[in-house]
Amino acid sequence: MSTIIKLDNIVKKFYIGEPNELEILHGISLEVEEGEFVAIVGPSGSGKSTLMNMIGALDRPTSGDYFLDGINVGEADDEELSDIRNQKVGFVFQTYNLIPKVNAWKNVELPMLYGGMGREERNKRSMELLKLVEMDDRAKHLPEELSGGQKQRVAIARAMANDPAIILADEPTGALDSKTGRLVMDIFHKLNKEQHKTIVLITHSPELAEETDRIIQIKDGVITEVRKGSGKPLTQETEKKPTVDKEFIDNTIKEISDLFEQIDNIVVDEPKDKNEVVENAPSEVEVEEKDNKEKASAEDVNNSNDEKKEVEDK
């Protein structure tokens, strides 16, 4: 893969030479390969919006070099910058930025019109791109007739209009609910995997950043960390399945088997010969004698109680 974005020691200052001179980017160096899906993350005030403007050729660096698809952006004049933005960068913004008075079809056509593409080719490509984002059935709807997710899908189709070198997405799901945001992110993954588009995602969301190939953390105008992401949509993330421990299963089976064997070997104390039970049982005479003795004892007790009562009465 070739390097499509190369920033070398980029510095960006505002109010240069004035008492309130402010330096936002302090020597940013970064490379993005063709076909990569990367995320730039950082808190508010970290400089990521300024960095996005550099990458999107919306502004020039104060010092340092920036090459986009082989073109030195820092040396380009205003007209060249305009051409770079039109031909090399596809923008997707949080607030969609669709032209309100024209339908989805015409919104997608607009960059191609500025790029000088013929009407027939524009019409054909616009419909192809709307179909790619599953919005061809809303081609003639005005933005006000579309939901937030539908507007963003039209914006993605528009970003692809001139087959740009990179797609620069600034908080593309920030104004959407989670379900619609998931749909938009799935489209980005599709463009990255199937169309091999280089995508730079600017986001506050750690979860969305984890879906990209590489995560670039920026803070106070410097890159503080670069690490690898999963490169997979969250919906396709497979939960870690517990591995089957064969040794554990074998040991468990053995323990159960030993337990049953111990149960089988337990000796229950019972007479070996059932006739012995019968022979040792008391005879009917012995039972009758025992009963008579118990009755006699009970009568003696009663007589004794009667005698005692008679004495007390006297």
Foldseek 3Di string as FASTA:
>chain_A
DAWFKWWFQFWAWPPPPDPPIDIQAGTETDTDHQLFEAEEAEDPSLCVVVVLCCLLLVDATPDTFIHGRRDTSNPDDPVVSVVCNLQAEQEQEQQLPFDQPFFLLVSLLVSVVVVPDDPVVSNVLSLVLCVLLPNNVRRRPGPVVDDLLSSRSSSVSSSPSNPHQAYEYEANCVVDDPVSSLSSLVSVLCCSPVVSHYYYYYDHDPLSRLLTQKYFYTGSNYTDDIDGHPVHRPVPDDDDDDDDDVVVVVVVVVVVVVVVVVVVPDDDDDDPDPVVVVVPDDDPVVVVVVVVVVVVVVVVVVVVVVVVVVVVVD
